């Protein structure tokens, strides 16, 4: 692996030109990810925080019952199940019976909620994004299968309302997670650089 000496270019520049160089920084240089211009780095940072907030808000609303998708009486803290309402109403696709069996199970609730929290914190903070993107893609794939966009009709014969048999918001979110992780979006407005500098992360790039 090549060893970089960040001070050598500056030193040789001064020897040959007599002028102090203007320092520039691109997102991704410290963590070995794709180098981005300042504008692009800010754009992906904003997208990273936004998508992370979607997952984090879902966790908070379901946990505390903030009165949006989940009322206080149905919150996780009050004994409500984060998965029962959604999975018990799956009415299309080849996994209907499987999802119905999972609905309300304690292990399903914990995995779902820990997934939301982990993905949300990772993307808002800009750390562990590759692992979070993989987990988020798996979670979104399961949700896609539960809604089953290819179905034109539900089990009761009603129209499914699907607008696209393949690409829906789950697919878009999954691709966004993977792209942001690949671009090292945590380096700008995040803790990505500090995270990448940890010895264990340097030795295991998949932890970035």
N, C-alpha and C. Protein backbone atom coordinates (compact mmCIF):
# COMPACT_ATOMS: atom_id res chain seq x y z
N UNK A 1 0.85 -1.19 0.00
CA UNK A 1 0.00 0.00 0.00
C UNK A 1 0.88 1.24 0.00
N UNK A 2 0.59 2.16 -0.87
CA UNK A 2 1.40 3.36 -0.99
C UNK A 2 1.30 4.21 0.26
N UNK A 3 2.45 4.83 0.63
CA UNK A 3 2.48 5.72 1.79
C UNK A 3 2.46 7.15 1.30
N UNK A 4 1.53 7.94 1.79
CA UNK A 4 1.40 9.33 1.34
C UNK A 4 2.05 10.25 2.37
N UNK A 5 2.77 11.22 1.90
CA UNK A 5 3.39 12.22 2.76
C UNK A 5 2.76 13.57 2.44
N UNK A 6 1.77 13.99 3.22
CA UNK A 6 1.02 15.18 2.87
C UNK A 6 1.87 16.45 2.88
N UNK A 7 3.02 16.44 3.57
CA UNK A 7 3.81 17.67 3.65
C UNK A 7 4.81 17.80 2.51
N UNK A 8 5.12 16.71 1.80
CA UNK A 8 6.11 16.79 0.73
C UNK A 8 5.68 17.67 -0.42
N UNK A 9 4.47 17.56 -0.95
CA UNK A 9 4.07 18.43 -2.05
C UNK A 9 4.16 19.90 -1.67
N UNK A 10 3.77 20.25 -0.44
CA UNK A 10 3.82 21.64 -0.01
C UNK A 10 5.27 22.12 0.06
N UNK A 11 6.17 21.26 0.57
CA UNK A 11 7.57 21.63 0.72
C UNK A 11 8.22 21.83 -0.64
N UNK A 12 8.00 20.87 -1.56
CA UNK A 12 8.62 20.99 -2.89
C UNK A 12 8.03 22.16 -3.65
N UNK A 13 6.77 22.45 -3.43
CA UNK A 13 6.15 23.58 -4.12
C UNK A 13 6.84 24.88 -3.71
N UNK A 14 7.14 24.98 -2.43
CA UNK A 14 7.79 26.20 -1.95
C UNK A 14 9.21 26.29 -2.48
N UNK A 15 9.90 25.15 -2.62
CA UNK A 15 11.26 25.17 -3.15
C UNK A 15 11.28 25.64 -4.60
N UNK A 16 10.31 25.19 -5.39
CA UNK A 16 10.33 25.49 -6.82
C UNK A 16 9.69 26.81 -7.17
N UNK A 17 8.75 27.28 -6.36
CA UNK A 17 8.05 28.52 -6.71
C UNK A 17 8.29 29.64 -5.73
N UNK A 18 8.71 29.27 -4.52
CA UNK A 18 8.92 30.32 -3.52
C UNK A 18 7.63 30.82 -2.92
N UNK A 19 6.50 30.21 -3.26
CA UNK A 19 5.20 30.65 -2.75
C UNK A 19 4.58 29.54 -1.92
N UNK A 20 3.82 29.92 -0.93
CA UNK A 20 3.07 28.95 -0.12
C UNK A 20 1.84 28.51 -0.92
N UNK A 21 1.63 27.23 -1.10
CA UNK A 21 0.48 26.76 -1.87
C UNK A 21 -0.82 27.00 -1.12
N UNK A 22 -1.89 27.10 -1.88
CA UNK A 22 -3.22 27.24 -1.31
C UNK A 22 -3.77 25.86 -1.04
N UNK A 23 -4.10 25.58 0.21
CA UNK A 23 -4.59 24.25 0.57
C UNK A 23 -5.99 24.05 0.04
N UNK A 24 -6.24 22.88 -0.50
CA UNK A 24 -7.57 22.52 -0.96
C UNK A 24 -7.95 21.20 -0.33
N UNK A 25 -9.23 20.98 -0.15
CA UNK A 25 -9.69 19.73 0.45
C UNK A 25 -10.93 19.26 -0.29
N UNK A 26 -10.93 18.01 -0.61
CA UNK A 26 -12.09 17.41 -1.25
C UNK A 26 -12.62 16.31 -0.37
N UNK A 27 -13.93 16.20 -0.33
CA UNK A 27 -14.55 15.15 0.47
C UNK A 27 -14.11 13.80 -0.04
N UNK A 28 -13.67 12.92 0.88
CA UNK A 28 -13.29 11.58 0.50
C UNK A 28 -11.80 11.34 0.51
N UNK A 29 -10.95 12.40 0.56
CA UNK A 29 -9.52 12.19 0.50
C UNK A 29 -9.01 11.46 1.74
N UNK A 30 -9.60 11.75 2.90
CA UNK A 30 -9.09 11.15 4.12
C UNK A 30 -9.55 9.71 4.30
N UNK A 31 -10.69 9.38 3.77
CA UNK A 31 -11.26 8.07 4.03
C UNK A 31 -11.10 7.09 2.87
N UNK A 32 -10.46 7.51 1.79
CA UNK A 32 -10.26 6.61 0.67
C UNK A 32 -11.48 6.44 -0.20
N UNK A 33 -12.46 7.31 -0.08
CA UNK A 33 -13.65 7.24 -0.91
C UNK A 33 -13.52 8.20 -2.08
N UNK A 34 -14.58 8.33 -2.86
CA UNK A 34 -14.54 9.15 -4.06
C UNK A 34 -14.35 10.62 -3.69
N UNK A 35 -13.38 11.29 -4.32
CA UNK A 35 -13.15 12.70 -4.06
C UNK A 35 -14.25 13.53 -4.70
N UNK A 36 -14.78 14.48 -3.94
CA UNK A 36 -15.86 15.32 -4.42
C UNK A 36 -15.47 16.78 -4.36
N UNK A 37 -16.02 17.57 -5.24
CA UNK A 37 -15.83 19.01 -5.14
C UNK A 37 -16.60 19.51 -3.94
N UNK A 38 -16.34 20.75 -3.54
CA UNK A 38 -17.00 21.30 -2.36
C UNK A 38 -18.52 21.29 -2.51
N UNK A 39 -19.01 21.71 -3.67
CA UNK A 39 -20.46 21.75 -3.88
C UNK A 39 -21.08 20.37 -3.83
N UNK A 40 -20.42 19.40 -4.47
CA UNK A 40 -20.94 18.04 -4.47
C UNK A 40 -20.89 17.45 -3.07
N UNK A 41 -19.83 17.76 -2.32
CA UNK A 41 -19.72 17.26 -0.96
C UNK A 41 -20.84 17.78 -0.09
N UNK A 42 -21.18 19.05 -0.22
CA UNK A 42 -22.28 19.62 0.54
C UNK A 42 -23.62 19.01 0.14
N UNK A 43 -23.78 18.74 -1.16
CA UNK A 43 -25.03 18.17 -1.64
C UNK A 43 -25.25 16.77 -1.09
N UNK A 44 -24.20 15.93 -1.15
CA UNK A 44 -24.37 14.57 -0.65
C UNK A 44 -24.48 14.55 0.87
N UNK A 45 -23.84 15.52 1.54
CA UNK A 45 -23.98 15.61 2.99
C UNK A 45 -25.42 15.94 3.37
N UNK A 46 -26.02 16.87 2.63
CA UNK A 46 -27.41 17.20 2.89
C UNK A 46 -28.33 16.03 2.63
N UNK A 47 -28.06 15.28 1.56
CA UNK A 47 -28.87 14.10 1.25
C UNK A 47 -28.68 13.03 2.32
N UNK A 48 -27.45 12.88 2.81
CA UNK A 48 -27.17 11.89 3.85
C UNK A 48 -27.93 12.19 5.13
N UNK A 49 -27.88 13.42 5.58
CA UNK A 49 -28.57 13.80 6.81
C UNK A 49 -30.08 13.68 6.64
N UNK A 50 -30.58 14.02 5.47
CA UNK A 50 -32.01 13.95 5.21
C UNK A 50 -32.51 12.51 5.26
N UNK A 51 -31.83 11.62 4.54
CA UNK A 51 -32.29 10.23 4.51
C UNK A 51 -32.10 9.57 5.87
N UNK A 52 -31.04 9.94 6.58
CA UNK A 52 -30.84 9.41 7.92
C UNK A 52 -31.94 9.85 8.86
N UNK A 53 -32.39 11.09 8.69
CA UNK A 53 -33.46 11.62 9.53
C UNK A 53 -34.78 10.90 9.30
N UNK A 54 -34.99 10.41 8.08
CA UNK A 54 -36.22 9.66 7.79
C UNK A 54 -36.28 8.40 8.67
N UNK A 55 -35.17 7.67 8.74
CA UNK A 55 -35.13 6.45 9.54
C UNK A 55 -35.16 6.77 11.03
N UNK A 56 -34.42 7.80 11.43
CA UNK A 56 -34.36 8.14 12.84
C UNK A 56 -35.72 8.64 13.35
N UNK A 57 -36.40 9.43 12.54
CA UNK A 57 -37.73 9.92 12.94
C UNK A 57 -38.72 8.76 13.07
N UNK A 58 -38.65 7.82 12.15
CA UNK A 58 -39.55 6.66 12.23
C UNK A 58 -39.33 5.91 13.54
N UNK A 59 -38.07 5.78 13.95
CA UNK A 59 -37.77 5.11 15.22
C UNK A 59 -38.36 5.89 16.39
N UNK A 60 -38.14 7.19 16.41
CA UNK A 60 -38.61 8.01 17.53
C UNK A 60 -40.13 8.04 17.60
N UNK A 61 -40.79 8.17 16.45
CA UNK A 61 -42.25 8.23 16.43
C UNK A 61 -42.87 6.92 16.92
N UNK A 62 -42.31 5.80 16.48
CA UNK A 62 -42.85 4.50 16.89
C UNK A 62 -42.51 4.19 18.35
N UNK A 63 -41.38 4.69 18.82
CA UNK A 63 -40.98 4.42 20.20
C UNK A 63 -41.79 5.23 21.20
N UNK A 64 -41.93 6.54 20.93
CA UNK A 64 -42.56 7.43 21.91
C UNK A 64 -43.99 7.82 21.55
N UNK A 65 -44.45 7.44 20.35
CA UNK A 65 -45.80 7.81 19.95
C UNK A 65 -45.96 9.31 19.88
N UNK A 66 -45.27 9.94 18.95
CA UNK A 66 -45.26 11.40 18.85
C UNK A 66 -46.51 11.96 18.20
N UNK A 67 -47.44 11.09 17.81
CA UNK A 67 -48.71 11.57 17.30
C UNK A 67 -48.77 11.77 15.81
N UNK A 68 -47.80 11.27 15.08
CA UNK A 68 -47.84 11.37 13.62
C UNK A 68 -48.30 10.03 13.06
N UNK A 69 -47.37 9.15 12.71
CA UNK A 69 -47.79 7.82 12.25
C UNK A 69 -48.24 6.95 13.42
N UNK A 70 -47.74 7.27 14.62
CA UNK A 70 -48.04 6.46 15.80
C UNK A 70 -48.54 7.34 16.94
N UNK A 71 -49.68 7.00 17.49
CA UNK A 71 -50.20 7.72 18.64
C UNK A 71 -49.53 7.25 19.92
N UNK A 72 -49.65 8.04 20.97
CA UNK A 72 -48.98 7.71 22.23
C UNK A 72 -49.44 6.36 22.78
N UNK A 73 -50.73 6.07 22.66
CA UNK A 73 -51.26 4.82 23.19
C UNK A 73 -50.68 3.60 22.49
N UNK A 74 -50.32 3.76 21.22
CA UNK A 74 -49.79 2.64 20.46
C UNK A 74 -48.28 2.62 20.37
N UNK A 75 -47.61 3.46 21.15
CA UNK A 75 -46.15 3.53 21.09
C UNK A 75 -45.51 2.25 21.61
N UNK A 76 -44.29 2.04 21.23
CA UNK A 76 -43.54 0.86 21.66
C UNK A 76 -43.37 0.86 23.18
N UNK A 77 -43.13 2.04 23.75
CA UNK A 77 -42.96 2.14 25.19
C UNK A 77 -44.23 1.79 25.96
N UNK A 78 -45.37 1.98 25.32
CA UNK A 78 -46.65 1.67 25.96
C UNK A 78 -47.15 0.27 25.63
N UNK A 79 -46.27 -0.55 25.08
CA UNK A 79 -46.64 -1.93 24.79
C UNK A 79 -47.12 -2.18 23.38
N UNK A 80 -47.13 -1.15 22.54
CA UNK A 80 -47.54 -1.34 21.15
C UNK A 80 -46.47 -2.07 20.35
N UNK A 81 -46.87 -2.67 19.25
CA UNK A 81 -45.94 -3.39 18.39
C UNK A 81 -45.66 -2.58 17.13
N UNK A 82 -44.39 -2.27 16.87
CA UNK A 82 -44.04 -1.50 15.66
C UNK A 82 -44.30 -2.26 14.36
N UNK A 83 -44.40 -3.59 14.43
CA UNK A 83 -44.55 -4.37 13.19
C UNK A 83 -45.95 -4.93 12.98
N UNK A 84 -46.73 -5.05 14.04
CA UNK A 84 -48.01 -5.75 13.93
C UNK A 84 -48.95 -5.08 12.94
N UNK A 85 -49.10 -3.76 13.04
CA UNK A 85 -50.04 -3.07 12.17
C UNK A 85 -49.71 -3.21 10.70
N UNK A 86 -48.43 -3.11 10.38
CA UNK A 86 -48.00 -3.17 8.99
C UNK A 86 -48.03 -4.59 8.44
N UNK A 87 -47.37 -5.50 9.16
CA UNK A 87 -47.24 -6.86 8.65
C UNK A 87 -48.56 -7.64 8.67
N UNK A 88 -49.41 -7.35 9.62
CA UNK A 88 -50.67 -8.09 9.68
C UNK A 88 -51.63 -7.70 8.57
N UNK A 89 -51.36 -6.57 7.90
CA UNK A 89 -52.22 -6.11 6.82
C UNK A 89 -51.62 -6.36 5.43
N UNK A 90 -50.53 -7.11 5.38
CA UNK A 90 -49.96 -7.46 4.07
C UNK A 90 -51.00 -8.27 3.31
N UNK A 91 -51.35 -7.82 2.11
CA UNK A 91 -52.43 -8.47 1.36
C UNK A 91 -52.08 -8.72 -0.09
N UNK A 92 -50.77 -8.83 -0.37
CA UNK A 92 -50.35 -9.14 -1.74
C UNK A 92 -48.98 -9.80 -1.68
N UNK A 93 -48.67 -10.56 -2.70
CA UNK A 93 -47.35 -11.17 -2.80
C UNK A 93 -47.27 -12.57 -2.24
N UNK A 94 -46.19 -13.27 -2.55
CA UNK A 94 -46.03 -14.68 -2.16
C UNK A 94 -45.66 -14.87 -0.69
N UNK A 95 -45.36 -13.80 0.05
CA UNK A 95 -44.93 -13.93 1.43
C UNK A 95 -45.99 -13.46 2.43
N UNK A 96 -47.24 -13.42 2.00
CA UNK A 96 -48.30 -12.94 2.89
C UNK A 96 -48.34 -13.72 4.20
N UNK A 97 -48.40 -15.03 4.12
CA UNK A 97 -48.53 -15.84 5.32
C UNK A 97 -47.30 -15.70 6.22
N UNK A 98 -46.13 -15.56 5.61
CA UNK A 98 -44.90 -15.39 6.39
C UNK A 98 -44.93 -14.09 7.18
N UNK A 99 -45.29 -13.00 6.49
CA UNK A 99 -45.36 -11.71 7.17
C UNK A 99 -46.44 -11.68 8.24
N UNK A 100 -47.55 -12.33 8.00
CA UNK A 100 -48.61 -12.40 9.00
C UNK A 100 -48.11 -13.13 10.26
N UNK A 101 -47.31 -14.16 10.06
CA UNK A 101 -46.78 -14.91 11.19
C UNK A 101 -45.76 -14.09 11.98
N UNK A 102 -45.05 -13.22 11.29
CA UNK A 102 -44.05 -12.38 11.95
C UNK A 102 -44.66 -11.20 12.69
N UNK A 103 -45.83 -10.78 12.29
CA UNK A 103 -46.46 -9.57 12.82
C UNK A 103 -46.59 -9.63 14.34
N UNK A 104 -46.04 -8.62 15.00
CA UNK A 104 -46.17 -8.53 16.44
C UNK A 104 -45.21 -9.37 17.25
N UNK A 105 -44.38 -10.17 16.57
CA UNK A 105 -43.40 -10.99 17.29
C UNK A 105 -42.33 -10.08 17.92
N UNK A 106 -41.93 -10.38 19.14
CA UNK A 106 -40.96 -9.54 19.84
C UNK A 106 -39.64 -9.43 19.07
N UNK A 107 -39.17 -10.55 18.51
CA UNK A 107 -37.91 -10.50 17.78
C UNK A 107 -38.01 -9.63 16.54
N UNK A 108 -39.16 -9.66 15.88
CA UNK A 108 -39.37 -8.82 14.70
C UNK A 108 -39.41 -7.35 15.09
N UNK A 109 -40.08 -7.03 16.20
CA UNK A 109 -40.13 -5.65 16.67
C UNK A 109 -38.74 -5.12 16.98
N UNK A 110 -37.94 -5.92 17.70
CA UNK A 110 -36.61 -5.48 18.08
C UNK A 110 -35.69 -5.32 16.86
N UNK A 111 -35.72 -6.27 15.96
CA UNK A 111 -34.87 -6.15 14.77
C UNK A 111 -35.25 -4.94 13.93
N UNK A 112 -36.55 -4.72 13.77
CA UNK A 112 -37.03 -3.59 12.98
C UNK A 112 -36.62 -2.27 13.61
N UNK A 113 -36.85 -2.14 14.92
CA UNK A 113 -36.55 -0.88 15.59
C UNK A 113 -35.05 -0.62 15.69
N UNK A 114 -34.27 -1.65 15.98
CA UNK A 114 -32.82 -1.47 16.02
C UNK A 114 -32.28 -1.12 14.64
N UNK A 115 -32.90 -1.69 13.60
CA UNK A 115 -32.50 -1.34 12.24
C UNK A 115 -32.76 0.13 11.95
N UNK A 116 -33.95 0.61 12.29
CA UNK A 116 -34.27 2.02 12.08
C UNK A 116 -33.30 2.92 12.84
N UNK A 117 -33.04 2.59 14.10
CA UNK A 117 -32.15 3.41 14.91
C UNK A 117 -30.73 3.39 14.38
N UNK A 118 -30.22 2.21 14.07
CA UNK A 118 -28.85 2.10 13.59
C UNK A 118 -28.63 2.81 12.27
N UNK A 119 -29.54 2.62 11.33
CA UNK A 119 -29.41 3.28 10.03
C UNK A 119 -29.52 4.79 10.19
N UNK A 120 -30.47 5.23 11.00
CA UNK A 120 -30.65 6.66 11.21
C UNK A 120 -29.43 7.31 11.83
N UNK A 121 -28.89 6.73 12.90
CA UNK A 121 -27.72 7.31 13.56
C UNK A 121 -26.49 7.28 12.66
N UNK A 122 -26.31 6.17 11.94
CA UNK A 122 -25.15 6.04 11.07
C UNK A 122 -25.13 7.10 9.98
N UNK A 123 -26.27 7.34 9.37
CA UNK A 123 -26.30 8.31 8.27
C UNK A 123 -26.33 9.75 8.76
N UNK A 124 -27.01 10.02 9.84
CA UNK A 124 -26.98 11.38 10.38
C UNK A 124 -25.57 11.72 10.86
N UNK A 125 -24.90 10.76 11.51
CA UNK A 125 -23.56 11.00 12.01
C UNK A 125 -22.47 10.84 10.97
N UNK A 126 -22.75 10.09 9.90
CA UNK A 126 -21.76 9.89 8.85
C UNK A 126 -20.73 8.82 9.18
N UNK A 127 -21.11 7.85 10.02
CA UNK A 127 -20.17 6.79 10.40
C UNK A 127 -20.80 5.42 10.13
N UNK A 128 -19.96 4.44 9.83
CA UNK A 128 -20.46 3.09 9.60
C UNK A 128 -21.49 3.01 8.49
N UNK A 129 -21.35 3.85 7.49
CA UNK A 129 -22.39 3.98 6.48
C UNK A 129 -22.47 2.76 5.55
N UNK A 130 -21.37 2.07 5.34
CA UNK A 130 -21.40 0.91 4.45
C UNK A 130 -22.21 -0.22 5.08
N UNK A 131 -21.99 -0.45 6.37
CA UNK A 131 -22.77 -1.47 7.07
C UNK A 131 -24.24 -1.05 7.13
N UNK A 132 -24.48 0.23 7.44
CA UNK A 132 -25.85 0.74 7.54
C UNK A 132 -26.55 0.68 6.19
N UNK A 133 -25.83 0.96 5.12
CA UNK A 133 -26.43 0.91 3.79
C UNK A 133 -26.83 -0.52 3.43
N UNK A 134 -25.99 -1.48 3.81
CA UNK A 134 -26.33 -2.88 3.55
C UNK A 134 -27.55 -3.31 4.34
N UNK A 135 -27.57 -2.95 5.63
CA UNK A 135 -28.72 -3.28 6.45
C UNK A 135 -29.98 -2.57 6.00
N UNK A 136 -29.82 -1.30 5.61
CA UNK A 136 -30.97 -0.54 5.13
C UNK A 136 -31.54 -1.11 3.84
N UNK A 137 -30.66 -1.57 2.96
CA UNK A 137 -31.13 -2.17 1.71
C UNK A 137 -31.91 -3.44 1.99
N UNK A 138 -31.44 -4.26 2.93
CA UNK A 138 -32.16 -5.47 3.30
C UNK A 138 -33.52 -5.15 3.90
N UNK A 139 -33.56 -4.16 4.80
CA UNK A 139 -34.82 -3.75 5.42
C UNK A 139 -35.81 -3.25 4.37
N UNK A 140 -35.32 -2.42 3.46
CA UNK A 140 -36.19 -1.88 2.42
C UNK A 140 -36.66 -2.96 1.46
N UNK A 141 -35.80 -3.95 1.20
CA UNK A 141 -36.20 -5.06 0.34
C UNK A 141 -37.35 -5.84 0.97
N UNK A 142 -37.28 -6.05 2.29
CA UNK A 142 -38.35 -6.76 2.98
C UNK A 142 -39.66 -5.95 2.94
N UNK A 143 -39.54 -4.64 3.09
CA UNK A 143 -40.73 -3.79 3.04
C UNK A 143 -41.31 -3.77 1.62
N UNK A 144 -40.42 -3.80 0.62
CA UNK A 144 -40.88 -3.86 -0.77
C UNK A 144 -41.67 -5.15 -0.99
N UNK A 145 -41.13 -6.26 -0.46
CA UNK A 145 -41.80 -7.55 -0.63
C UNK A 145 -43.14 -7.57 0.10
N UNK A 146 -43.23 -6.85 1.23
CA UNK A 146 -44.49 -6.79 1.97
C UNK A 146 -45.56 -6.01 1.21
N UNK A 147 -45.17 -4.96 0.53
CA UNK A 147 -46.14 -4.18 -0.26
C UNK A 147 -46.37 -4.80 -1.64
N UNK A 148 -45.37 -5.49 -2.15
CA UNK A 148 -45.41 -6.22 -3.42
C UNK A 148 -45.99 -5.38 -4.57
N UNK A 149 -45.21 -4.43 -5.05
CA UNK A 149 -45.65 -3.56 -6.15
C UNK A 149 -46.06 -4.30 -7.42
N UNK A 150 -45.51 -5.51 -7.74
CA UNK A 150 -45.94 -6.17 -8.98
C UNK A 150 -47.42 -6.54 -9.01
N UNK A 151 -48.06 -6.63 -7.85
CA UNK A 151 -49.47 -7.04 -7.82
C UNK A 151 -50.38 -5.94 -8.33
N UNK A 152 -51.28 -6.30 -9.23
CA UNK A 152 -52.31 -5.36 -9.70
C UNK A 152 -53.51 -5.36 -8.76
N UNK A 153 -53.73 -6.47 -8.08
CA UNK A 153 -54.87 -6.59 -7.19
C UNK A 153 -54.43 -7.20 -5.86
N UNK A 154 -55.14 -6.83 -4.80
CA UNK A 154 -54.88 -7.38 -3.48
C UNK A 154 -55.60 -8.72 -3.32
N UNK A 155 -55.38 -9.35 -2.19
CA UNK A 155 -55.98 -10.66 -1.97
C UNK A 155 -57.50 -10.63 -2.00
N UNK A 156 -58.09 -9.48 -1.63
CA UNK A 156 -59.56 -9.37 -1.64
C UNK A 156 -60.12 -8.93 -2.99
N UNK A 157 -59.25 -8.80 -3.99
CA UNK A 157 -59.68 -8.43 -5.32
C UNK A 157 -59.66 -6.94 -5.62
N UNK A 158 -59.42 -6.12 -4.60
CA UNK A 158 -59.37 -4.67 -4.81
C UNK A 158 -58.09 -4.29 -5.56
N UNK A 159 -58.13 -3.16 -6.24
CA UNK A 159 -56.95 -2.68 -6.96
C UNK A 159 -55.85 -2.34 -5.96
N UNK A 160 -54.64 -2.72 -6.29
CA UNK A 160 -53.52 -2.49 -5.37
C UNK A 160 -53.09 -1.04 -5.32
N UNK A 161 -53.31 -0.31 -6.41
CA UNK A 161 -52.87 1.08 -6.46
C UNK A 161 -51.40 1.24 -6.77
N UNK A 162 -50.75 0.14 -7.13
CA UNK A 162 -49.32 0.21 -7.46
C UNK A 162 -49.12 1.03 -8.73
N UNK A 163 -48.17 1.97 -8.66
CA UNK A 163 -47.91 2.83 -9.81
C UNK A 163 -46.77 2.32 -10.68
N UNK A 164 -45.98 1.37 -10.16
CA UNK A 164 -44.87 0.81 -10.91
C UNK A 164 -44.61 -0.59 -10.36
N UNK A 165 -44.52 -1.59 -11.22
CA UNK A 165 -44.38 -2.97 -10.74
C UNK A 165 -43.01 -3.31 -10.16
N UNK A 166 -42.03 -2.46 -10.36
CA UNK A 166 -40.68 -2.76 -9.89
C UNK A 166 -40.11 -1.63 -9.03
N UNK A 167 -40.03 -0.45 -9.61
CA UNK A 167 -39.36 0.67 -8.94
C UNK A 167 -40.36 1.51 -8.15
N UNK A 168 -40.22 1.46 -6.82
CA UNK A 168 -41.02 2.34 -5.97
C UNK A 168 -40.07 3.04 -5.01
N UNK A 169 -40.61 3.70 -3.99
CA UNK A 169 -39.76 4.49 -3.11
C UNK A 169 -38.78 3.64 -2.32
N UNK A 170 -39.10 2.37 -2.08
CA UNK A 170 -38.15 1.50 -1.39
C UNK A 170 -36.88 1.31 -2.21
N UNK A 171 -37.04 1.12 -3.51
CA UNK A 171 -35.89 0.95 -4.39
C UNK A 171 -35.07 2.23 -4.46
N UNK A 172 -35.76 3.36 -4.55
CA UNK A 172 -35.07 4.66 -4.61
C UNK A 172 -34.26 4.89 -3.34
N UNK A 173 -34.86 4.65 -2.19
CA UNK A 173 -34.15 4.82 -0.92
C UNK A 173 -32.95 3.90 -0.82
N UNK A 174 -33.11 2.65 -1.23
CA UNK A 174 -32.01 1.68 -1.16
C UNK A 174 -30.83 2.13 -2.03
N UNK A 175 -31.11 2.57 -3.25
CA UNK A 175 -30.04 3.05 -4.13
C UNK A 175 -29.38 4.30 -3.56
N UNK A 176 -30.16 5.16 -2.92
CA UNK A 176 -29.61 6.37 -2.32
C UNK A 176 -28.67 6.01 -1.17
N UNK A 177 -29.08 5.06 -0.33
CA UNK A 177 -28.22 4.63 0.77
C UNK A 177 -26.89 4.10 0.25
N UNK A 178 -26.95 3.24 -0.76
CA UNK A 178 -25.73 2.64 -1.30
C UNK A 178 -24.84 3.69 -1.95
N UNK A 179 -25.45 4.63 -2.68
CA UNK A 179 -24.66 5.67 -3.35
C UNK A 179 -23.98 6.59 -2.34
N UNK A 180 -24.69 6.99 -1.31
CA UNK A 180 -24.11 7.87 -0.30
C UNK A 180 -22.97 7.19 0.44
N UNK A 181 -23.13 5.91 0.74
CA UNK A 181 -22.05 5.18 1.40
C UNK A 181 -20.82 5.07 0.50
N UNK A 182 -21.04 4.81 -0.79
CA UNK A 182 -19.93 4.67 -1.74
C UNK A 182 -19.19 5.99 -1.94
N UNK A 183 -19.92 7.10 -1.84
CA UNK A 183 -19.33 8.42 -2.06
C UNK A 183 -18.65 8.98 -0.81
N UNK A 184 -18.76 8.29 0.29
CA UNK A 184 -18.16 8.81 1.51
C UNK A 184 -18.82 10.09 1.97
N UNK A 185 -20.15 10.11 1.94
CA UNK A 185 -20.89 11.32 2.25
C UNK A 185 -20.74 11.77 3.69
N UNK A 186 -20.20 10.91 4.55
CA UNK A 186 -20.02 11.28 5.95
C UNK A 186 -18.83 12.17 6.20
N UNK A 187 -17.99 12.41 5.19
CA UNK A 187 -16.80 13.24 5.38
C UNK A 187 -17.13 14.72 5.51
N UNK A 188 -18.25 15.15 4.96
CA UNK A 188 -18.67 16.54 5.05
C UNK A 188 -19.86 16.64 5.99
N UNK A 189 -19.78 17.55 6.96
CA UNK A 189 -20.84 17.71 7.96
C UNK A 189 -21.10 16.42 8.72
N UNK A 190 -20.08 15.64 8.92
CA UNK A 190 -20.24 14.38 9.62
C UNK A 190 -18.93 13.95 10.26
N UNK A 191 -18.94 12.79 10.88
CA UNK A 191 -17.77 12.27 11.59
C UNK A 191 -17.04 11.23 10.76
N UNK A 192 -17.27 11.23 9.45
CA UNK A 192 -16.69 10.21 8.59
C UNK A 192 -15.18 10.17 8.61
N UNK A 193 -14.51 11.31 8.61
CA UNK A 193 -13.05 11.34 8.59
C UNK A 193 -12.47 10.78 9.90
N UNK A 194 -13.04 11.19 11.02
CA UNK A 194 -12.56 10.68 12.30
C UNK A 194 -12.82 9.18 12.42
N UNK A 195 -13.98 8.77 11.95
CA UNK A 195 -14.32 7.35 11.98
C UNK A 195 -13.34 6.54 11.13
N UNK A 196 -13.04 7.04 9.93
CA UNK A 196 -12.14 6.33 9.02
C UNK A 196 -10.72 6.26 9.56
N UNK A 197 -10.36 7.18 10.46
CA UNK A 197 -9.00 7.21 11.00
C UNK A 197 -8.81 6.21 12.14
N UNK A 198 -9.88 5.63 12.66
CA UNK A 198 -9.75 4.63 13.72
C UNK A 198 -9.01 3.40 13.19
N UNK A 199 -8.10 2.84 13.98
CA UNK A 199 -7.30 1.69 13.50
C UNK A 199 -8.14 0.54 12.97
N UNK A 200 -9.21 0.17 13.68
CA UNK A 200 -10.02 -0.97 13.25
C UNK A 200 -10.72 -0.67 11.93
N UNK A 201 -11.09 0.56 11.71
CA UNK A 201 -11.77 0.94 10.46
C UNK A 201 -10.77 0.99 9.32
N UNK A 202 -9.55 1.47 9.59
CA UNK A 202 -8.51 1.48 8.55
C UNK A 202 -8.20 0.07 8.08
N UNK A 203 -8.23 -0.90 9.01
CA UNK A 203 -7.91 -2.27 8.65
C UNK A 203 -9.08 -3.00 8.00
N UNK A 204 -10.29 -2.53 8.23
CA UNK A 204 -11.48 -3.19 7.68
C UNK A 204 -12.33 -2.13 6.98
N UNK A 205 -12.10 -1.94 5.70
CA UNK A 205 -12.76 -0.87 4.95
C UNK A 205 -14.28 -1.00 4.94
N UNK A 206 -14.79 -2.21 5.12
CA UNK A 206 -16.24 -2.39 5.07
C UNK A 206 -16.94 -1.72 6.27
N UNK A 207 -16.16 -1.37 7.30
CA UNK A 207 -16.74 -0.70 8.46
C UNK A 207 -16.98 0.77 8.21
N UNK A 208 -16.45 1.31 7.12
CA UNK A 208 -16.66 2.72 6.84
C UNK A 208 -18.10 3.03 6.52
